[in-house]
Amino acid sequence: MNDKIKIVIDGKEYWTELGKTILDAAKDNGIFIPSLCHVEGVKAAGSCRICNVKVNGRNMTACSTPVAEGMTIVNNIPELEELRKAIVEVMFVAGNHFCPACEKSGNCELQALGYRFLMLVPRFPYEFPDKGVNAESKYIYHDRNRCILCKRCVRTVIKDGKHVFALNSRGGEHIHIKIDTELASQLTEEEAQAAMDICPVGAILKKERGYYDPIGERKYDKQPIGSEIENK
């Protein structure tokens, strides 16, 4: 067990491996830490900040912080749950997330976290921004009004070694994800579906995909987000 180390999460000891992040180590031990930007096996971006935990009294992003021998981590406390809930609420009001009419309803991670944190009415005013949509590519409909800037698509949707999505503008209120429509049109239907699946919300949709699964049969209709980890 030379490659194994011991960490403490919420007062309990767990074994994990050097090189793991707090998020992955927790998942391996049946502990759910919410995140909207993390993709397993892909370099962490730390974009959404929902995975904040306390390490030695300091807030750290669990997706980008490596574990260390004897590390003490606090995950499940009211302070962090309230912070995560506030972040989810901000994401709802900063975009056009009208769940009943969204093709991703029931399969949306943001919506599922809203349920998990018992979000009713956001405490912040709605912005209803008009960020535009792009339906020029063959199989993908890109709705920037729903984008939460998690950058999953930027990091994972690649065609012939080139990124299909990219950040346009590096700061301020005008920052957004831009799609290379010419490159996106070269995606196969399967690749377009994978792009839709990697998006945690309804910002990337495969054309003509629509409402295939009836209400009650969609992913988070069957079990709450995180339950597949916590019920190992």
Protein backbone atom coordinates (compact mmCIF):
# COMPACT_ATOMS: atom_id res chain seq x y z
CA MET A 1 0.00 0.00 0.00
CA ASN A 2 2.95 2.31 -0.66
CA ASP A 3 0.89 4.33 -3.13
CA LYS A 4 -2.01 4.63 -0.69
CA ILE A 5 -2.47 7.55 1.66
CA LYS A 6 -4.98 8.32 4.38
CA ILE A 7 -7.18 11.41 4.34
CA VAL A 8 -9.99 12.62 6.57
CA ILE A 9 -13.33 13.79 5.17
CA ASP A 10 -15.92 15.13 7.59
CA GLY A 11 -14.20 13.45 10.51
CA LYS A 12 -13.87 9.98 8.94
CA GLU A 13 -10.70 8.36 7.65
CA TYR A 14 -10.46 7.11 4.06
CA TRP A 15 -7.77 5.58 1.88
CA THR A 16 -6.94 7.00 -1.51
CA GLU A 17 -4.04 7.24 -3.95
CA LEU A 18 -1.39 9.90 -4.45
CA GLY A 19 -2.11 11.95 -7.55
CA LYS A 20 -5.87 11.89 -7.05
CA THR A 21 -7.81 15.11 -6.61
CA ILE A 22 -10.05 15.58 -3.58
CA LEU A 23 -13.09 15.26 -5.87
CA ASP A 24 -12.01 11.91 -7.33
CA ALA A 25 -10.81 10.57 -3.97
CA ALA A 26 -14.16 11.42 -2.41
CA LYS A 27 -16.04 9.80 -5.31
CA ASP A 28 -13.97 6.61 -4.95
CA ASN A 29 -15.05 6.45 -1.31
CA GLY A 30 -18.75 7.01 -1.97
CA ILE A 31 -18.82 10.71 -1.10
CA PHE A 32 -20.51 13.12 -3.51
CA ILE A 33 -19.00 16.56 -4.02
CA PRO A 34 -21.05 18.52 -6.57
CA SER A 35 -19.41 19.96 -9.67
CA LEU A 36 -20.60 21.23 -13.04
CA CYS A 37 -17.28 21.78 -14.79
CA HIS A 38 -15.41 18.58 -13.91
CA VAL A 39 -14.87 15.89 -16.54
CA GLU A 40 -13.19 12.71 -15.37
CA GLY A 41 -9.81 12.22 -17.03
CA VAL A 42 -9.65 15.82 -18.28
CA LYS A 43 -7.49 18.53 -16.71
CA ALA A 44 -9.49 20.49 -14.15
CA ALA A 45 -10.72 23.97 -15.01
CA GLY A 46 -12.09 25.08 -11.62
CA SER A 47 -14.72 27.12 -13.46
CA CYS A 48 -17.95 26.55 -11.55
CA ARG A 49 -16.60 26.67 -7.95
CA ILE A 50 -19.45 24.46 -6.74
CA CYS A 51 -16.98 21.83 -5.53
CA ASN A 52 -15.53 24.14 -2.87
CA VAL A 53 -14.48 22.29 0.29
CA LYS A 54 -12.53 23.39 3.33
CA VAL A 55 -8.94 22.19 3.66
CA ASN A 56 -7.27 23.27 6.88
CA GLY A 57 -9.88 26.00 7.21
CA ARG A 58 -9.44 27.37 3.69
CA ASN A 59 -11.89 27.07 0.81
CA MET A 60 -10.35 25.02 -2.03
CA THR A 61 -11.78 23.63 -5.26
CA ALA A 62 -11.97 19.85 -4.86
CA CYS A 63 -11.60 19.25 -8.61
CA SER A 64 -8.16 20.86 -8.81
CA THR A 65 -6.66 20.24 -5.36
CA PRO A 66 -4.54 17.05 -5.05
CA VAL A 67 -4.81 14.96 -1.91
CA ALA A 68 -1.96 14.72 0.56
CA GLU A 69 -1.18 12.37 3.44
CA GLY A 70 -3.22 13.28 6.51
CA MET A 71 -5.21 15.99 4.72
CA THR A 72 -8.33 17.05 6.62
CA ILE A 73 -11.26 17.95 4.38
CA VAL A 74 -14.63 19.38 5.32
CA ASN A 75 -17.37 18.83 2.76
CA ASN A 76 -20.80 18.46 4.31
CA ILE A 77 -21.49 21.54 6.43
CA PRO A 78 -24.24 24.20 6.16
CA GLU A 79 -21.77 26.94 5.19
CA LEU A 80 -20.60 25.06 2.10
CA GLU A 81 -24.08 23.85 1.18
CA GLU A 82 -25.32 27.45 1.30
CA LEU A 83 -22.39 28.61 -0.85
CA ARG A 84 -23.11 25.90 -3.43
CA LYS A 85 -26.80 26.73 -3.43
CA ALA A 86 -26.03 30.41 -4.02
CA ILE A 87 -23.79 29.55 -6.98
CA VAL A 88 -26.54 27.40 -8.50
CA GLU A 89 -29.03 30.22 -8.04
CA VAL A 90 -26.69 32.71 -9.73
CA MET A 91 -26.36 30.35 -12.70
CA PHE A 92 -30.14 30.11 -13.00
CA VAL A 93 -30.72 33.87 -13.00
CA ALA A 94 -27.76 34.63 -15.26
CA GLY A 95 -29.15 32.54 -18.13
CA ASN A 96 -32.37 31.47 -19.76
CA HIS A 97 -33.08 28.30 -17.78
CA PHE A 98 -36.80 27.72 -18.23
CA CYS A 99 -36.72 24.03 -17.33
CA PRO A 100 -40.21 22.88 -18.44
CA ALA A 101 -39.49 23.88 -22.05
CA CYS A 102 -35.85 22.79 -22.18
CA GLU A 103 -34.87 19.69 -24.15
CA LYS A 104 -32.36 18.80 -21.42
CA SER A 105 -34.95 18.82 -18.62
CA GLY A 106 -34.57 15.70 -16.52
CA ASN A 107 -31.05 15.19 -17.86
CA CYS A 108 -29.69 18.59 -16.79
CA GLU A 109 -27.10 18.67 -14.01
CA LEU A 110 -27.85 22.28 -13.08
CA GLN A 111 -31.54 21.48 -12.71
CA ALA A 112 -30.69 18.37 -10.68
CA LEU A 113 -28.51 20.41 -8.30
CA GLY A 114 -31.35 22.91 -7.94
CA TYR A 115 -33.50 20.05 -6.67
CA ARG A 116 -30.71 18.70 -4.45
CA PHE A 117 -30.25 22.07 -2.75
CA LEU A 118 -34.02 22.56 -2.46
CA MET A 119 -33.94 25.71 -4.54
CA LEU A 120 -37.39 27.26 -4.88
CA VAL A 121 -37.16 30.88 -5.98
CA PRO A 122 -33.67 32.39 -6.53
CA ARG A 123 -32.83 35.22 -4.17
CA PHE A 124 -31.20 37.17 -7.01
CA PRO A 125 -32.95 39.12 -9.80
CA TYR A 126 -33.25 37.44 -13.20
CA GLU A 127 -31.17 38.88 -16.01
CA PHE A 128 -32.74 37.14 -19.04
CA PRO A 129 -29.75 38.02 -21.25
CA ASP A 130 -29.91 37.78 -25.02
CA LYS A 131 -26.59 36.14 -25.85
CA GLY A 132 -27.69 34.66 -29.14
CA VAL A 133 -27.97 31.21 -30.66
CA ASN A 134 -26.15 29.51 -33.52
CA ALA A 135 -27.87 26.87 -35.62
CA GLU A 136 -25.56 27.06 -38.65
CA SER A 137 -23.72 23.77 -38.16
CA LYS A 138 -25.13 20.52 -39.53
CA TYR A 139 -26.08 18.70 -36.36
CA ILE A 140 -25.59 21.14 -33.46
CA TYR A 141 -27.82 23.89 -32.12
CA HIS A 142 -25.80 26.14 -29.79
CA ASP A 143 -27.81 28.25 -27.33
CA ARG A 144 -25.48 30.63 -25.50
CA ASN A 145 -28.38 31.89 -23.35
CA ARG A 146 -28.18 28.62 -21.39
CA CYS A 147 -24.39 28.44 -21.17
CA ILE A 148 -22.85 28.45 -17.66
CA LEU A 149 -19.23 28.82 -18.91
CA CYS A 150 -18.14 25.49 -17.44
CA LYS A 151 -15.83 25.01 -20.46
CA ARG A 152 -16.50 21.29 -20.70
CA CYS A 153 -17.13 21.64 -24.43
CA VAL A 154 -13.96 23.70 -24.93
CA ARG A 155 -11.85 20.99 -23.31
CA THR A 156 -13.43 17.89 -24.79
CA VAL A 157 -15.15 18.49 -28.15
CA ILE A 158 -12.33 18.11 -30.66
CA LYS A 159 -12.38 17.28 -34.36
CA ASP A 160 -9.21 16.36 -36.23
CA GLY A 161 -7.10 17.79 -33.42
CA LYS A 162 -8.95 21.13 -33.41
CA HIS A 163 -11.28 22.53 -30.76
CA VAL A 164 -14.86 22.97 -31.94
CA PHE A 165 -15.68 25.40 -29.10
CA ALA A 166 -13.55 28.22 -27.69
CA LEU A 167 -13.75 31.13 -25.27
CA ASN A 168 -14.37 34.42 -27.04
CA SER A 169 -13.15 37.36 -24.95
CA ARG A 170 -11.14 36.73 -21.82
CA GLY A 171 -13.01 38.73 -19.22
CA GLY A 172 -15.92 40.92 -18.33
CA GLU A 173 -19.61 40.52 -19.02
CA HIS A 174 -19.13 39.80 -22.72
CA ILE A 175 -17.18 36.57 -22.28
CA HIS A 176 -18.89 33.67 -24.04
CA ILE A 177 -18.33 30.34 -25.75
CA LYS A 178 -18.04 30.49 -29.53
CA ILE A 179 -18.64 27.56 -31.87
CA ASP A 180 -16.60 27.00 -35.03
CA THR A 181 -19.57 26.27 -37.29
CA GLU A 182 -17.44 24.98 -40.17
CA LEU A 183 -15.61 22.53 -37.93
CA ALA A 184 -18.81 21.62 -36.07
CA SER A 185 -20.44 20.71 -39.38
CA GLN A 186 -17.79 18.03 -39.82
CA LEU A 187 -18.93 16.21 -36.66
CA THR A 188 -20.76 12.95 -37.14
CA GLU A 189 -24.19 12.49 -35.58
CA GLU A 190 -22.58 10.39 -32.83
CA GLU A 191 -20.01 13.12 -32.13
CA ALA A 192 -22.76 15.75 -32.03
CA GLN A 193 -24.67 13.62 -29.53
CA ALA A 194 -21.51 13.29 -27.42
CA ALA A 195 -21.15 17.10 -27.47
CA MET A 196 -24.74 17.42 -26.24
CA ASP A 197 -24.10 14.85 -23.51
CA ILE A 198 -20.92 16.56 -22.25
CA CYS A 199 -22.80 19.83 -21.68
CA PRO A 200 -24.29 19.87 -18.16
CA VAL A 201 -27.15 22.13 -19.26
CA GLY A 202 -29.09 22.68 -22.49
CA ALA A 203 -26.62 24.95 -24.25
CA ILE A 204 -25.52 22.32 -26.80
CA LEU A 205 -28.27 20.33 -28.47
CA LYS A 206 -28.13 17.78 -31.22
CA LYS A 207 -30.59 18.83 -33.90
CA GLU A 208 -33.73 16.69 -34.10
CA ARG A 209 -32.87 15.00 -30.80
CA GLY A 210 -35.68 16.62 -28.83
CA TYR A 211 -37.72 14.91 -26.16
CA TYR A 212 -36.90 11.25 -26.82
CA ASP A 213 -37.35 10.16 -23.20
CA PRO A 214 -40.75 10.76 -21.54
CA ILE A 215 -40.99 12.59 -18.23
CA GLY A 216 -40.27 10.12 -15.47
CA GLU A 217 -37.79 8.15 -17.56
CA ARG A 218 -35.03 10.76 -17.78
CA LYS A 219 -31.75 10.38 -15.90
CA TYR A 220 -32.47 12.55 -12.86
CA ASP A 221 -36.14 11.64 -12.81
CA LYS A 222 -35.06 8.16 -11.74
CA GLN A 223 -32.52 9.07 -9.07
CA PRO A 224 -31.14 12.34 -7.65
CA ILE A 225 -27.76 13.62 -8.79
CA GLY A 226 -24.96 12.07 -6.74
CA SER A 227 -26.99 9.07 -5.61
CA GLU A 228 -25.02 6.71 -7.84
CA ILE A 229 -21.92 7.70 -5.86
CA GLU A 230 -23.41 7.87 -2.36
CA ASN A 231 -25.21 4.53 -2.72
CA LYS A 232 -22.17 2.50 -3.78
